[in-house]
C-alpha atoms as a PDB file:
ATOM      1  CA  MET A   1      12.877  15.195  15.135  1.00  0.00           C
ATOM      2  CA  LEU A   2       9.085  15.392  15.229  1.00  0.00           C
ATOM      3  CA  GLU A   3       7.423  13.748  18.218  1.00  0.00           C
ATOM      4  CA  LEU A   4       4.151  11.908  17.665  1.00  0.00           C
ATOM      5  CA  THR A   5       1.610  10.709  20.205  1.00  0.00           C
ATOM      6  CA  ILE A   6      -0.491   7.673  19.300  1.00  0.00           C
ATOM      7  CA  GLU A   7      -3.418   5.898  20.913  1.00  0.00           C
ATOM      8  CA  ILE A   8      -2.959   2.158  21.366  1.00  0.00           C
ATOM      9  CA  PRO A   9      -6.120   0.023  21.001  1.00  0.00           C
ATOM     10  CA  LYS A  10      -7.041  -2.099  24.032  1.00  0.00           C
ATOM     11  CA  GLU A  11      -6.306  -5.368  22.207  1.00  0.00           C
ATOM     12  CA  LEU A  12      -2.682  -4.289  21.651  1.00  0.00           C
ATOM     13  CA  GLU A  13      -1.931  -2.952  25.135  1.00  0.00           C
ATOM     14  CA  ILE A  14      -0.496  -6.216  26.500  1.00  0.00           C
ATOM     15  CA  GLY A  15       1.954  -6.585  23.608  1.00  0.00           C
ATOM     16  CA  VAL A  16       2.985  -2.957  23.826  1.00  0.00           C
ATOM     17  CA  LYS A  17       3.665  -3.185  27.553  1.00  0.00           C
ATOM     18  CA  GLU A  18       6.011  -6.133  26.929  1.00  0.00           C
ATOM     19  CA  LEU A  19       8.222  -4.151  24.551  1.00  0.00           C
ATOM     20  CA  LYS A  20      10.924  -1.700  25.459  1.00  0.00           C
ATOM     21  CA  LYS A  21      10.450   1.894  24.367  1.00  0.00           C
ATOM     22  CA  GLU A  22      13.190   1.578  21.725  1.00  0.00           C
ATOM     23  CA  GLU A  23      11.629  -1.559  20.220  1.00  0.00           C
ATOM     24  CA  LEU A  24       8.202   0.014  20.091  1.00  0.00           C
ATOM     25  CA  ASN A  25       9.624   3.174  18.533  1.00  0.00           C
ATOM     26  CA  ARG A  26      11.380   1.117  15.839  1.00  0.00           C
ATOM     27  CA  ILE A  27       8.194  -0.839  15.041  1.00  0.00           C
ATOM     28  CA  VAL A  28       6.046   2.276  14.806  1.00  0.00           C
ATOM     29  CA  CYS A  29       8.631   4.088  12.660  1.00  0.00           C
ATOM     30  CA  GLU A  30       8.866   1.177  10.217  1.00  0.00           C
ATOM     31  CA  ALA A  31       5.084   0.893   9.940  1.00  0.00           C
ATOM     32  CA  LEU A  32       4.731   4.633   9.444  1.00  0.00           C
ATOM     33  CA  LYS A  33       7.428   4.718   6.746  1.00  0.00           C
ATOM     34  CA  GLU A  34       5.749   1.872   4.874  1.00  0.00           C
ATOM     35  CA  ARG A  35       2.294   3.420   5.070  1.00  0.00           C
ATOM     36  CA  LEU A  36       3.515   6.894   4.081  1.00  0.00           C
ATOM     37  CA  SER A  37       5.362   5.386   1.135  1.00  0.00           C
ATOM     38  CA  GLU A  38       2.187   3.627  -0.037  1.00  0.00           C
ATOM     39  CA  GLU A  39       0.101   6.781   0.336  1.00  0.00           C
ATOM     40  CA  LEU A  40       2.666   8.833  -1.588  1.00  0.00           C
ATOM     41  CA  MET A  41       2.778   6.273  -4.423  1.00  0.00           C
ATOM     42  CA  PHE A  42      -1.025   6.322  -4.721  1.00  0.00           C
ATOM     43  CA  LYS A  43      -1.036  10.124  -4.730  1.00  0.00           C
ATOM     44  CA  ILE A  44       1.577  10.213  -7.493  1.00  0.00           C
ATOM     45  CA  ALA A  45      -0.329   7.582  -9.500  1.00  0.00           C
ATOM     46  CA  ASP A  46      -3.569   9.543  -9.117  1.00  0.00           C
ATOM     47  CA  ASP A  47      -1.839  12.724 -10.293  1.00  0.00           C
ATOM     48  CA  LEU A  48      -0.403  10.927 -13.322  1.00  0.00           C
ATOM     49  CA  LEU A  49      -3.730   9.324 -14.229  1.00  0.00           C
ATOM     50  CA  LYS A  50      -5.805  12.505 -13.954  1.00  0.00           C
ATOM     51  CA  GLU A  51      -5.117  13.319 -17.594  1.00  0.00           C
ATOM     52  CA  SER A  52      -5.464   9.725 -18.814  1.00  0.00           C
ATOM     53  CA  ARG A  53      -8.026   8.954 -21.487  1.00  0.00           C
ATOM     54  CA  LEU A  54      -7.901   5.230 -20.676  1.00  0.00           C
ATOM     55  CA  THR A  55     -11.271   4.175 -19.267  1.00  0.00           C
ATOM     56  CA  ASP A  56     -11.833   1.340 -16.812  1.00  0.00           C
ATOM     57  CA  ASP A  57     -13.800  -0.518 -19.466  1.00  0.00           C
ATOM     58  CA  PHE A  58     -11.029  -0.246 -22.056  1.00  0.00           C
ATOM     59  CA  ALA A  59      -8.365  -1.224 -19.500  1.00  0.00           C
ATOM     60  CA  SER A  60     -10.436  -4.289 -18.616  1.00  0.00           C
ATOM     61  CA  LYS A  61     -10.724  -5.231 -22.295  1.00  0.00           C
ATOM     62  CA  LEU A  62      -6.957  -4.881 -22.731  1.00  0.00           C
ATOM     63  CA  GLY A  63      -6.375  -7.053 -19.668  1.00  0.00           C
ATOM     64  CA  ASN A  64      -8.716  -9.756 -20.958  1.00  0.00           C
ATOM     65  CA  GLU A  65      -7.029  -9.720 -24.368  1.00  0.00           C
ATOM     66  CA  LEU A  66      -3.628 -10.072 -22.726  1.00  0.00           C
ATOM     67  CA  LYS A  67      -4.849 -13.026 -20.630  1.00  0.00           C
ATOM     68  CA  LYS A  68      -6.139 -14.766 -23.769  1.00  0.00           C
ATOM     69  CA  ARG A  69      -2.844 -14.250 -25.617  1.00  0.00           C
ATOM     70  CA  VAL A  70      -0.768 -15.517 -22.694  1.00  0.00           C
ATOM     71  CA  ALA A  71      -3.036 -18.548 -22.271  1.00  0.00           C
ATOM     72  CA  LYS A  72      -2.807 -19.323 -25.989  1.00  0.00           C
ATOM     73  CA  ARG A  73       0.976 -18.923 -26.021  1.00  0.00           C
ATOM     74  CA  TYR A  74       1.483 -21.284 -23.080  1.00  0.00           C
ATOM     75  CA  GLY A  75      -1.280 -23.707 -24.042  1.00  0.00           C
ATOM     76  CA  LEU A  76      -3.480 -22.992 -21.051  1.00  0.00           C
END
């Protein structure tokens, strides 16, 4: 298993000192897994969208049209 050293900001030191090593390890592992998962999803999305011809302007227009249709359908 890879070992990682982290720096704890001053404002978190008190809370960290109150936790056992195992608890702190679990918390850091969960946070790291979540963040890595998010980063990987964004990387995959960026790779998929590199070849897209859909512009921000056109996507915005499609979104606005969808909002209008939903509002009309539900009487909003």
